[in-house]
Amino acid sequence: AYKIDLPEELSRVHNTFHVSNLKKCHVDEPLAVPLDGLHIDDKLHFVAKPVEIVDREVKRLKRSQIPLVK
C-alpha cells in the first residue's frame, strides 16, 4: 500500500491506496487536476454537472421502458 499527499481540499479522502489501484504515469510534465471546479458531496462522491443534453431515447423492453440520455 502507498500513502499519498493530498491537498487540504481533499483531506476527507482516504490517502492510502493498494498497489493494484495505481498506474505508472508516462508523462514528462506533472499532471494536476484543478480543484476549483471539483465538487465533492458529503459521501465523497464526485458531483458532475451535465453541460448539454445531446439526444434522448426510450429503450423498450417487454414490460418496461428505460429512458436514455446522451
Protein backbone atom coordinates (compact mmCIF):
# COMPACT_ATOMS: atom_id res chain seq x y z
CA ALA A 1 0.00 0.00 0.00
CA TYR A 2 1.07 3.58 -0.67
CA LYS A 3 0.19 6.78 1.16
CA ILE A 4 -0.04 9.89 -0.97
CA ASP A 5 -0.02 13.55 -0.02
CA LEU A 6 -3.38 15.13 -0.77
CA PRO A 7 -4.19 18.85 -0.80
CA GLU A 8 -6.22 20.34 2.05
CA GLU A 9 -9.39 20.38 -0.10
CA LEU A 10 -9.27 16.57 -0.25
CA SER A 11 -8.43 15.99 3.42
CA ARG A 12 -11.54 13.81 3.90
CA VAL A 13 -10.42 11.38 1.17
CA HIS A 14 -8.57 8.28 2.39
CA ASN A 15 -4.95 8.69 1.35
CA THR A 16 -3.80 5.03 1.35
CA PHE A 17 -4.06 3.08 -1.91
CA HIS A 18 -3.29 -0.54 -2.75
CA VAL A 19 -0.62 -1.11 -5.38
CA SER A 20 -3.16 -2.65 -7.81
CA ASN A 21 -5.08 0.67 -7.90
CA LEU A 22 -2.05 2.68 -9.03
CA LYS A 23 -0.78 3.05 -12.60
CA LYS A 24 2.50 4.44 -13.91
CA CYS A 25 2.38 7.92 -15.38
CA HIS A 26 4.45 8.19 -18.58
CA VAL A 27 4.31 11.98 -18.97
CA ASP A 28 7.21 14.40 -18.64
CA GLU A 29 5.23 17.25 -17.10
CA PRO A 30 3.28 16.71 -13.86
CA LEU A 31 -0.45 16.16 -14.19
CA ALA A 32 -2.57 18.25 -11.87
CA VAL A 33 -6.34 18.49 -11.75
CA PRO A 34 -7.58 22.00 -10.86
CA LEU A 35 -9.58 21.70 -7.65
CA ASP A 36 -11.54 24.94 -8.07
CA GLY A 37 -14.07 23.27 -10.41
CA LEU A 38 -14.17 19.98 -8.50
CA HIS A 39 -17.24 19.39 -6.31
CA ILE A 40 -17.38 16.50 -3.83
CA ASP A 41 -20.52 15.81 -1.79
CA ASP A 42 -20.72 14.66 1.87
CA LYS A 43 -20.40 10.99 0.87
CA LEU A 44 -17.18 11.80 -1.05
CA HIS A 45 -18.81 11.31 -4.45
CA PHE A 46 -17.79 13.43 -7.40
CA VAL A 47 -20.68 15.69 -8.41
CA ALA A 48 -20.80 16.03 -12.18
CA LYS A 49 -22.98 18.71 -13.69
CA PRO A 50 -24.30 18.00 -17.19
CA VAL A 51 -23.30 20.53 -19.81
CA GLU A 52 -25.76 19.72 -22.56
CA ILE A 53 -28.33 17.05 -23.44
CA VAL A 54 -27.47 15.87 -26.93
CA ASP A 55 -30.09 13.18 -27.54
CA ARG A 56 -32.91 11.34 -25.78
CA GLU A 57 -34.23 7.87 -26.46
CA VAL A 58 -36.52 5.37 -24.74
CA LYS A 59 -35.44 1.75 -24.82
CA ARG A 60 -38.45 -0.52 -24.68
CA LEU A 61 -38.23 -3.95 -23.12
CA LYS A 62 -41.03 -6.48 -22.76
CA ARG A 63 -42.59 -4.91 -19.67
CA SER A 64 -40.60 -1.77 -19.03
CA GLN A 65 -39.17 1.34 -20.61
CA ILE A 66 -35.72 2.77 -19.91
CA PRO A 67 -35.11 6.45 -20.71
CA LEU A 68 -31.62 7.03 -22.18
CA VAL A 69 -30.00 10.46 -22.26
CA LYS A 70 -26.76 11.33 -24.09
